[in-house]
Amino acid sequence: MEKKYQPINCNVYDQLEAYATLKKEVEISYSKDNVEVNIRSVIKDLYTRQKEEFLLLDNEQEIRLDHILSITPTKK
């Protein structure tokens, strides 16, 4: 069963929006089924669905924001 959504810090959300606006490639570490997953991608969009916030990557993958462990821009 999925844990209840925990809203993220507004400053973190603002940073995610900036990465999306600038179309910056980022390295994202997130938790999926209690396993840490690491990917590189560009954030295409941020949105809310049923009171939960998500980011959409350019490969159409979505990640619930409270599952993100870290996110950093690549040096590209």
PDB file of N, CA and C in Angstrom:
ATOM      1  N   MET A   1       0.847  -1.197   0.000  1.00  0.00           N
ATOM      2  CA  MET A   1       0.000   0.000   0.000  1.00  0.00           C
ATOM      3  C   MET A   1       0.885   1.251   0.000  1.00  0.00           C
ATOM      4  N   GLU A   2       0.520   2.198  -0.817  1.00  0.00           N
ATOM      5  CA  GLU A   2       1.268   3.445  -0.958  1.00  0.00           C
ATOM      6  C   GLU A   2       1.105   4.308   0.291  1.00  0.00           C
ATOM      7  N   LYS A   3       2.219   4.921   0.742  1.00  0.00           N
ATOM      8  CA  LYS A   3       2.152   5.833   1.884  1.00  0.00           C
ATOM      9  C   LYS A   3       1.423   7.105   1.487  1.00  0.00           C
ATOM     10  N   LYS A   4       0.787   7.731   2.478  1.00  0.00           N
ATOM     11  CA  LYS A   4       0.095   9.004   2.255  1.00  0.00           C
ATOM     12  C   LYS A   4       1.099  10.050   1.774  1.00  0.00           C
ATOM     13  N   TYR A   5       0.672  10.858   0.825  1.00  0.00           N
ATOM     14  CA  TYR A   5       1.551  11.881   0.251  1.00  0.00           C
ATOM     15  C   TYR A   5       1.993  12.881   1.318  1.00  0.00           C
ATOM     16  N   GLN A   6       3.285  13.189   1.325  1.00  0.00           N
ATOM     17  CA  GLN A   6       3.852  14.190   2.225  1.00  0.00           C
ATOM     18  C   GLN A   6       4.302  15.379   1.378  1.00  0.00           C
ATOM     19  N   PRO A   7       3.647  16.532   1.503  1.00  0.00           N
ATOM     20  CA  PRO A   7       4.041  17.694   0.690  1.00  0.00           C
ATOM     21  C   PRO A   7       5.524  18.021   0.869  1.00  0.00           C
ATOM     22  N   ILE A   8       6.145  18.477  -0.221  1.00  0.00           N
ATOM     23  CA  ILE A   8       7.565  18.816  -0.168  1.00  0.00           C
ATOM     24  C   ILE A   8       7.737  20.295   0.157  1.00  0.00           C
ATOM     25  N   ASN A   9       8.928  20.659   0.534  1.00  0.00           N
ATOM     26  CA  ASN A   9       9.277  22.041   0.852  1.00  0.00           C
ATOM     27  C   ASN A   9       9.059  22.935  -0.373  1.00  0.00           C
ATOM     28  N   CYS A  10       8.494  24.116  -0.166  1.00  0.00           N
ATOM     29  CA  CYS A  10       8.222  25.059  -1.264  1.00  0.00           C
ATOM     30  C   CYS A  10       9.493  25.445  -2.019  1.00  0.00           C
ATOM     31  N   ASN A  11      10.600  25.579  -1.302  1.00  0.00           N
ATOM     32  CA  ASN A  11      11.864  25.934  -1.960  1.00  0.00           C
ATOM     33  C   ASN A  11      12.327  24.843  -2.919  1.00  0.00           C
ATOM     34  N   VAL A  12      12.115  23.595  -2.533  1.00  0.00           N
ATOM     35  CA  VAL A  12      12.473  22.465  -3.401  1.00  0.00           C
ATOM     36  C   VAL A  12      11.575  22.483  -4.638  1.00  0.00           C
ATOM     37  N   TYR A  13      10.289  22.728  -4.430  1.00  0.00           N
ATOM     38  CA  TYR A  13       9.354  22.796  -5.567  1.00  0.00           C
ATOM     39  C   TYR A  13       9.778  23.901  -6.527  1.00  0.00           C
ATOM     40  N   ASP A  14      10.143  25.062  -5.992  1.00  0.00           N
ATOM     41  CA  ASP A  14      10.593  26.181  -6.830  1.00  0.00           C
ATOM     42  C   ASP A  14      11.829  25.795  -7.636  1.00  0.00           C
ATOM     43  N   GLN A  15      12.739  25.048  -7.035  1.00  0.00           N
ATOM     44  CA  GLN A  15      13.941  24.612  -7.739  1.00  0.00           C
ATOM     45  C   GLN A  15      13.585  23.643  -8.865  1.00  0.00           C
ATOM     46  N   LEU A  16      12.653  22.743  -8.606  1.00  0.00           N
ATOM     47  CA  LEU A  16      12.198  21.811  -9.645  1.00  0.00           C
ATOM     48  C   LEU A  16      11.574  22.568 -10.812  1.00  0.00           C
ATOM     49  N   GLU A  17      10.788  23.595 -10.498  1.00  0.00           N
ATOM     50  CA  GLU A  17      10.192  24.433 -11.552  1.00  0.00           C
ATOM     51  C   GLU A  17      11.276  25.116 -12.382  1.00  0.00           C
ATOM     52  N   ALA A  18      12.313  25.591 -11.725  1.00  0.00           N
ATOM     53  CA  ALA A  18      13.410  26.252 -12.440  1.00  0.00           C
ATOM     54  C   ALA A  18      14.104  25.270 -13.378  1.00  0.00           C
ATOM     55  N   TYR A  19      14.379  24.056 -12.907  1.00  0.00           N
ATOM     56  CA  TYR A  19      14.998  23.042 -13.771  1.00  0.00           C
ATOM     57  C   TYR A  19      14.115  22.756 -14.981  1.00  0.00           C
ATOM     58  N   ALA A  20      12.796  22.670 -14.757  1.00  0.00           N
ATOM     59  CA  ALA A  20      11.865  22.388 -15.855  1.00  0.00           C
ATOM     60  C   ALA A  20      11.839  23.538 -16.856  1.00  0.00           C
ATOM     61  N   THR A  21      11.795  24.766 -16.362  1.00  0.00           N
ATOM     62  CA  THR A  21      11.752  25.940 -17.237  1.00  0.00           C
ATOM     63  C   THR A  21      13.006  26.049 -18.091  1.00  0.00           C
ATOM     64  N   LEU A  22      14.152  25.760 -17.473  1.00  0.00           N
ATOM     65  CA  LEU A  22      15.431  25.859 -18.181  1.00  0.00           C
ATOM     66  C   LEU A  22      15.744  24.616 -19.019  1.00  0.00           C
ATOM     67  N   LYS A  23      14.877  23.596 -18.895  1.00  0.00           N
ATOM     68  CA  LYS A  23      15.091  22.321 -19.600  1.00  0.00           C
ATOM     69  C   LYS A  23      16.476  21.744 -19.305  1.00  0.00           C
ATOM     70  N   LYS A  24      16.862  21.854 -18.043  1.00  0.00           N
ATOM     71  CA  LYS A  24      18.159  21.342 -17.588  1.00  0.00           C
ATOM     72  C   LYS A  24      18.081  19.838 -17.356  1.00  0.00           C
ATOM     73  N   GLU A  25      19.102  19.129 -17.820  1.00  0.00           N
ATOM     74  CA  GLU A  25      19.183  17.710 -17.498  1.00  0.00           C
ATOM     75  C   GLU A  25      19.567  17.589 -16.026  1.00  0.00           C
ATOM     76  N   VAL A  26      18.895  16.688 -15.324  1.00  0.00           N
ATOM     77  CA  VAL A  26      19.156  16.500 -13.897  1.00  0.00           C
ATOM     78  C   VAL A  26      19.377  15.021 -13.600  1.00  0.00           C
ATOM     79  N   GLU A  27      20.095  14.778 -12.523  1.00  0.00           N
ATOM     80  CA  GLU A  27      20.241  13.427 -11.982  1.00  0.00           C
ATOM     81  C   GLU A  27      19.256  13.329 -10.827  1.00  0.00           C
ATOM     82  N   ILE A  28      18.393  12.335 -10.889  1.00  0.00           N
ATOM     83  CA  ILE A  28      17.356  12.167  -9.877  1.00  0.00           C
ATOM     84  C   ILE A  28      17.559  10.826  -9.186  1.00  0.00           C
ATOM     85  N   SER A  29      17.539  10.873  -7.877  1.00  0.00           N
ATOM     86  CA  SER A  29      17.563   9.668  -7.062  1.00  0.00           C
ATOM     87  C   SER A  29      16.211   9.625  -6.354  1.00  0.00           C
ATOM     88  N   TYR A  30      15.497   8.515  -6.523  1.00  0.00           N
ATOM     89  CA  TYR A  30      14.184   8.419  -5.884  1.00  0.00           C
ATOM     90  C   TYR A  30      13.936   7.004  -5.394  1.00  0.00           C
ATOM     91  N   SER A  31      12.955   6.877  -4.539  1.00  0.00           N
ATOM     92  CA  SER A  31      12.615   5.589  -3.953  1.00  0.00           C
ATOM     93  C   SER A  31      11.427   4.987  -4.701  1.00  0.00           C
ATOM     94  N   LYS A  32      11.614   3.736  -5.143  1.00  0.00           N
ATOM     95  CA  LYS A  32      10.525   3.007  -5.802  1.00  0.00           C
ATOM     96  C   LYS A  32      10.461   1.631  -5.165  1.00  0.00           C
ATOM     97  N   ASP A  33       9.370   1.364  -4.493  1.00  0.00           N
ATOM     98  CA  ASP A  33       9.198   0.084  -3.779  1.00  0.00           C
ATOM     99  C   ASP A  33      10.364  -0.182  -2.825  1.00  0.00           C
ATOM    100  N   ASN A  34      10.757   0.861  -2.105  1.00  0.00           N
ATOM    101  CA  ASN A  34      11.839   0.804  -1.112  1.00  0.00           C
ATOM    102  C   ASN A  34      13.204   0.489  -1.712  1.00  0.00           C
ATOM    103  N   VAL A  35      13.371   0.742  -2.996  1.00  0.00           N
ATOM    104  CA  VAL A  35      14.655   0.572  -3.673  1.00  0.00           C
ATOM    105  C   VAL A  35      15.040   1.925  -4.254  1.00  0.00           C
ATOM    106  N   GLU A  36      16.302   2.312  -4.076  1.00  0.00           N
ATOM    107  CA  GLU A  36      16.766   3.584  -4.635  1.00  0.00           C
ATOM    108  C   GLU A  36      17.044   3.422  -6.128  1.00  0.00           C
ATOM    109  N   VAL A  37      16.455   4.328  -6.918  1.00  0.00           N
ATOM    110  CA  VAL A  37      16.624   4.325  -8.365  1.00  0.00           C
ATOM    111  C   VAL A  37      17.300   5.632  -8.756  1.00  0.00           C
ATOM    112  N   ASN A  38      18.256   5.575  -9.686  1.00  0.00           N
ATOM    113  CA  ASN A  38      18.948   6.769 -10.164  1.00  0.00           C
ATOM    114  C   ASN A  38      18.774   6.890 -11.669  1.00  0.00           C
ATOM    115  N   ILE A  39      18.372   8.076 -12.117  1.00  0.00           N
ATOM    116  CA  ILE A  39      18.193   8.302 -13.550  1.00  0.00           C
ATOM    117  C   ILE A  39      18.671   9.700 -13.907  1.00  0.00           C
ATOM    118  N   ARG A  40      18.896   9.914 -15.197  1.00  0.00           N
ATOM    119  CA  ARG A  40      19.196  11.232 -15.752  1.00  0.00           C
ATOM    120  C   ARG A  40      18.093  11.553 -16.742  1.00  0.00           C
ATOM    121  N   SER A  41      17.549  12.759 -16.631  1.00  0.00           N
ATOM    122  CA  SER A  41      16.476  13.143 -17.542  1.00  0.00           C
ATOM    123  C   SER A  41      16.246  14.646 -17.457  1.00  0.00           C
ATOM    124  N   VAL A  42      15.298  15.114 -18.253  1.00  0.00           N
ATOM    125  CA  VAL A  42      14.868  16.512 -18.230  1.00  0.00           C
ATOM    126  C   VAL A  42      13.429  16.533 -17.714  1.00  0.00           C
ATOM    127  N   ILE A  43      13.154  17.450 -16.784  1.00  0.00           N
ATOM    128  CA  ILE A  43      11.795  17.585 -16.247  1.00  0.00           C
ATOM    129  C   ILE A  43      10.945  18.306 -17.288  1.00  0.00           C
ATOM    130  N   LYS A  44       9.885  17.657 -17.716  1.00  0.00           N
ATOM    131  CA  LYS A  44       8.996  18.207 -18.733  1.00  0.00           C
ATOM    132  C   LYS A  44       7.880  19.045 -18.093  1.00  0.00           C
ATOM    133  N   ASP A  45       7.388  18.600 -16.915  1.00  0.00           N
ATOM    134  CA  ASP A  45       6.250  19.283 -16.297  1.00  0.00           C
ATOM    135  C   ASP A  45       6.140  18.893 -14.824  1.00  0.00           C
ATOM    136  N   LEU A  46       5.473  19.728 -14.062  1.00  0.00           N
ATOM    137  CA  LEU A  46       5.099  19.454 -12.675  1.00  0.00           C
ATOM    138  C   LEU A  46       3.591  19.621 -12.592  1.00  0.00           C
ATOM    139  N   TYR A  47       2.915  18.728 -11.878  1.00  0.00           N
ATOM    140  CA  TYR A  47       1.464  18.834 -11.796  1.00  0.00           C
ATOM    141  C   TYR A  47       0.946  18.139 -10.540  1.00  0.00           C
ATOM    142  N   THR A  48      -0.319  18.401 -10.234  1.00  0.00           N
ATOM    143  CA  THR A  48      -0.985  17.805  -9.080  1.00  0.00           C
ATOM    144  C   THR A  48      -2.119  16.921  -9.571  1.00  0.00           C
ATOM    145  N   ARG A  49      -2.229  15.743  -8.971  1.00  0.00           N
ATOM    146  CA  ARG A  49      -3.319  14.822  -9.286  1.00  0.00           C
ATOM    147  C   ARG A  49      -3.792  14.214  -7.980  1.00  0.00           C
ATOM    148  N   GLN A  50      -5.062  14.366  -7.691  1.00  0.00           N
ATOM    149  CA  GLN A  50      -5.663  13.836  -6.462  1.00  0.00           C
ATOM    150  C   GLN A  50      -4.873  14.240  -5.214  1.00  0.00           C
ATOM    151  N   LYS A  51      -4.522  15.512  -5.156  1.00  0.00           N
ATOM    152  CA  LYS A  51      -3.815  16.120  -4.018  1.00  0.00           C
ATOM    153  C   LYS A  51      -2.390  15.605  -3.830  1.00  0.00           C
ATOM    154  N   GLU A  52      -1.831  14.958  -4.860  1.00  0.00           N
ATOM    155  CA  GLU A  52      -0.441  14.515  -4.832  1.00  0.00           C
ATOM    156  C   GLU A  52       0.294  15.219  -5.965  1.00  0.00           C
ATOM    157  N   GLU A  53       1.566  15.595  -5.705  1.00  0.00           N
ATOM    158  CA  GLU A  53       2.357  16.318  -6.707  1.00  0.00           C
ATOM    159  C   GLU A  53       3.324  15.362  -7.408  1.00  0.00           C
ATOM    160  N   PHE A  54       3.458  15.566  -8.717  1.00  0.00           N
ATOM    161  CA  PHE A  54       4.299  14.714  -9.546  1.00  0.00           C
ATOM    162  C   PHE A  54       5.162  15.558 -10.464  1.00  0.00           C
ATOM    163  N   LEU A  55       6.259  14.949 -10.926  1.00  0.00           N
ATOM    164  CA  LEU A  55       6.984  15.551 -12.041  1.00  0.00           C
ATOM    165  C   LEU A  55       6.925  14.558 -13.188  1.00  0.00           C
ATOM    166  N   LEU A  56       6.882  15.110 -14.385  1.00  0.00           N
ATOM    167  CA  LEU A  56       6.851  14.316 -15.606  1.00  0.00           C
ATOM    168  C   LEU A  56       8.175  14.539 -16.320  1.00  0.00           C
ATOM    169  N   LEU A  57       8.842  13.450 -16.658  1.00  0.00           N
ATOM    170  CA  LEU A  57      10.124  13.537 -17.341  1.00  0.00           C
ATOM    171  C   LEU A  57       9.922  13.514 -18.851  1.00  0.00           C
ATOM    172  N   ASP A  58      10.963  13.876 -19.580  1.00  0.00           N
ATOM    173  CA  ASP A  58      10.835  13.935 -21.034  1.00  0.00           C
ATOM    174  C   ASP A  58      10.629  12.565 -21.680  1.00  0.00           C
ATOM    175  N   ASN A  59      10.840  11.479 -20.917  1.00  0.00           N
ATOM    176  CA  ASN A  59      10.552  10.135 -21.434  1.00  0.00           C
ATOM    177  C   ASN A  59       9.159   9.663 -21.012  1.00  0.00           C
ATOM    178  N   GLU A  60       8.346  10.601 -20.478  1.00  0.00           N
ATOM    179  CA  GLU A  60       6.958  10.382 -20.040  1.00  0.00           C
ATOM    180  C   GLU A  60       6.848   9.627 -18.710  1.00  0.00           C
ATOM    181  N   GLN A  61       7.969   9.350 -18.060  1.00  0.00           N
ATOM    182  CA  GLN A  61       7.933   8.732 -16.726  1.00  0.00           C
ATOM    183  C   GLN A  61       7.492   9.788 -15.732  1.00  0.00           C
ATOM    184  N   GLU A  62       6.687   9.371 -14.741  1.00  0.00           N
ATOM    185  CA  GLU A  62       6.309  10.305 -13.685  1.00  0.00           C
ATOM    186  C   GLU A  62       6.826   9.805 -12.350  1.00  0.00           C
ATOM    187  N   ILE A  63       7.174  10.769 -11.491  1.00  0.00           N
ATOM    188  CA  ILE A  63       7.694  10.460 -10.159  1.00  0.00           C
ATOM    189  C   ILE A  63       6.938  11.324  -9.162  1.00  0.00           C
ATOM    190  N   ARG A  64       6.413  10.687  -8.132  1.00  0.00           N
ATOM    191  CA  ARG A  64       5.745  11.450  -7.073  1.00  0.00           C
ATOM    192  C   ARG A  64       6.810  12.220  -6.314  1.00  0.00           C
ATOM    193  N   LEU A  65       6.573  13.507  -6.085  1.00  0.00           N
ATOM    194  CA  LEU A  65       7.610  14.378  -5.534  1.00  0.00           C
ATOM    195  C   LEU A  65       8.131  13.940  -4.174  1.00  0.00           C
ATOM    196  N   ASP A  66       7.285  13.369  -3.337  1.00  0.00           N
ATOM    197  CA  ASP A  66       7.780  12.965  -2.017  1.00  0.00           C
ATOM    198  C   ASP A  66       8.596  11.668  -2.063  1.00  0.00           C
ATOM    199  N   HIS A  67       8.768  11.080  -3.251  1.00  0.00           N
ATOM    200  CA  HIS A  67       9.632   9.906  -3.405  1.00  0.00           C
ATOM    201  C   HIS A  67      11.056  10.295  -3.804  1.00  0.00           C
ATOM    202  N   ILE A  68      11.240  11.559  -4.150  1.00  0.00           N
ATOM    203  CA  ILE A  68      12.563  12.025  -4.575  1.00  0.00           C
ATOM    204  C   ILE A  68      13.489  12.114  -3.361  1.00  0.00           C
ATOM    205  N   LEU A  69      14.670  11.500  -3.505  1.00  0.00           N
ATOM    206  CA  LEU A  69      15.671  11.537  -2.443  1.00  0.00           C
ATOM    207  C   LEU A  69      16.657  12.680  -2.682  1.00  0.00           C
ATOM    208  N   SER A  70      17.032  12.888  -3.943  1.00  0.00           N
ATOM    209  CA  SER A  70      17.910  14.009  -4.295  1.00  0.00           C
ATOM    210  C   SER A  70      17.766  14.300  -5.778  1.00  0.00           C
ATOM    211  N   ILE A  71      18.081  15.534  -6.116  1.00  0.00           N
ATOM    212  CA  ILE A  71      18.036  15.946  -7.520  1.00  0.00           C
ATOM    213  C   ILE A  71      19.109  17.004  -7.724  1.00  0.00           C
ATOM    214  N   THR A  72      19.956  16.791  -8.725  1.00  0.00           N
ATOM    215  CA  THR A  72      21.046  17.742  -8.995  1.00  0.00           C
ATOM    216  C   THR A  72      21.196  17.908 -10.497  1.00  0.00           C
ATOM    217  N   PRO A  73      21.503  19.136 -10.930  1.00  0.00           N
ATOM    218  CA  PRO A  73      21.727  19.343 -12.365  1.00  0.00           C
ATOM    219  C   PRO A  73      22.995  18.622 -12.800  1.00  0.00           C
ATOM    220  N   THR A  74      22.992  18.123 -14.029  1.00  0.00           N
ATOM    221  CA  THR A  74      24.208  17.508 -14.564  1.00  0.00           C
ATOM    222  C   THR A  74      25.141  18.611 -15.020  1.00  0.00           C
ATOM    223  N   LYS A  75      26.375  18.275 -15.257  1.00  0.00           N
ATOM    224  CA  LYS A  75      27.357  19.272 -15.662  1.00  0.00           C
ATOM    225  C   LYS A  75      27.428  19.357 -17.181  1.00  0.00           C
ATOM    226  N   LYS A  76      26.326  19.153 -17.817  1.00  0.00           N
ATOM    227  CA  LYS A  76      26.231  19.149 -19.281  1.00  0.00           C
ATOM    228  C   LYS A  76      26.139  20.537 -19.840  1.00  0.00           C
TER     229      LYS A  76
END
